[in-house]
């Protein structure tokens, strides 16, 4: 009899704990997506600025400058 009562209390406790865990999990899932798009936009902006910096460094190098200047001069002389 006593074992049954303890088992019932244990199962009830687990059930209550399980319900609470489910509620907390559902709330966390709903809350975790709130700032995701803002964080994604921020990471995209950081990556874009880094990429722009690399491109700017490449374009400012002297071999690329001379190549671009040659291309522009040839394009101007065609007309």
Protein backbone atom coordinates (compact mmCIF):
# COMPACT_ATOMS: atom_id res chain seq x y z
CA UNK A 1 0.00 0.00 0.00
CA UNK A 2 2.71 2.43 1.00
CA UNK A 3 4.75 1.58 -2.11
CA UNK A 4 1.72 2.32 -4.30
CA UNK A 5 1.22 5.68 -2.62
CA UNK A 6 4.89 6.58 -3.08
CA UNK A 7 4.77 5.43 -6.68
CA UNK A 8 1.63 7.49 -7.33
CA UNK A 9 3.19 10.55 -5.70
CA UNK A 10 6.34 10.05 -7.73
CA UNK A 11 4.40 9.67 -11.01
CA UNK A 12 2.30 12.74 -10.16
CA UNK A 13 5.46 14.72 -9.37
CA UNK A 14 7.04 13.66 -12.62
CA UNK A 15 3.85 14.61 -14.47
CA UNK A 16 3.82 18.07 -12.90
CA UNK A 17 7.52 18.50 -13.59
CA UNK A 18 7.01 17.32 -17.18
CA UNK A 19 4.20 19.82 -17.70
CA UNK A 20 6.34 22.64 -16.35
CA UNK A 21 9.28 21.60 -18.55
CA UNK A 22 7.02 21.57 -21.60
CA UNK A 23 5.69 25.05 -20.80
CA UNK A 24 9.21 26.41 -20.28
CA UNK A 25 10.43 24.77 -23.49
CA UNK A 26 7.54 26.17 -25.53
CA UNK A 27 8.08 29.64 -24.07
CA UNK A 28 11.82 29.47 -24.80
CA UNK A 29 11.20 28.39 -28.39
CA UNK A 30 8.81 31.25 -28.96
CA UNK A 31 11.14 33.77 -27.34
CA UNK A 32 14.39 32.61 -28.96
CA UNK A 33 13.36 33.71 -32.47
CA UNK A 34 12.51 37.27 -31.42
CA UNK A 35 15.90 38.85 -32.18
CA UNK A 36 17.13 36.38 -34.77
CA UNK A 37 16.49 38.55 -37.79
CA UNK A 38 18.24 41.53 -36.17
CA UNK A 39 21.30 39.40 -35.38
CA UNK A 40 21.31 37.99 -38.91
CA UNK A 41 21.18 41.48 -40.40
CA UNK A 42 24.02 42.60 -38.14
CA UNK A 43 26.20 39.64 -39.16
CA UNK A 44 25.41 40.30 -42.84
CA UNK A 45 26.42 43.94 -42.47
CA UNK A 46 29.69 43.00 -40.75
CA UNK A 47 30.48 40.49 -43.51
CA UNK A 48 29.59 43.01 -46.24
CA UNK A 49 31.81 45.69 -44.70
CA UNK A 50 34.70 43.23 -44.42
CA UNK A 51 34.24 42.18 -48.05
CA UNK A 52 34.10 45.83 -49.15
CA UNK A 53 37.33 46.51 -47.27
CA UNK A 54 39.09 43.64 -49.01
CA UNK A 55 37.83 44.80 -52.42
CA UNK A 56 38.95 48.35 -51.70
CA UNK A 57 42.43 47.14 -50.75
CA UNK A 58 42.63 45.11 -53.97
CA UNK A 59 41.45 47.98 -56.17
CA UNK A 60 43.91 50.41 -54.57
CA UNK A 61 46.90 48.19 -55.38
CA UNK A 62 49.08 49.50 -58.21
CA UNK A 63 48.75 46.51 -60.62
CA UNK A 64 44.97 46.68 -60.48
CA UNK A 65 45.02 50.49 -60.85
CA UNK A 66 47.10 50.23 -63.99
CA UNK A 67 44.91 47.44 -65.37
CA UNK A 68 41.73 49.47 -64.78
CA UNK A 69 43.32 52.57 -66.27
CA UNK A 70 44.34 50.62 -69.38
CA UNK A 71 40.83 49.20 -69.75
CA UNK A 72 39.28 52.67 -69.42
CA UNK A 73 41.76 54.20 -71.93
CA UNK A 74 41.06 51.47 -74.48
CA UNK A 75 37.31 51.91 -74.03
CA UNK A 76 37.62 55.69 -74.53
CA UNK A 77 39.73 55.30 -77.70
CA UNK A 78 37.19 52.97 -79.34
CA UNK A 79 34.61 55.72 -79.68
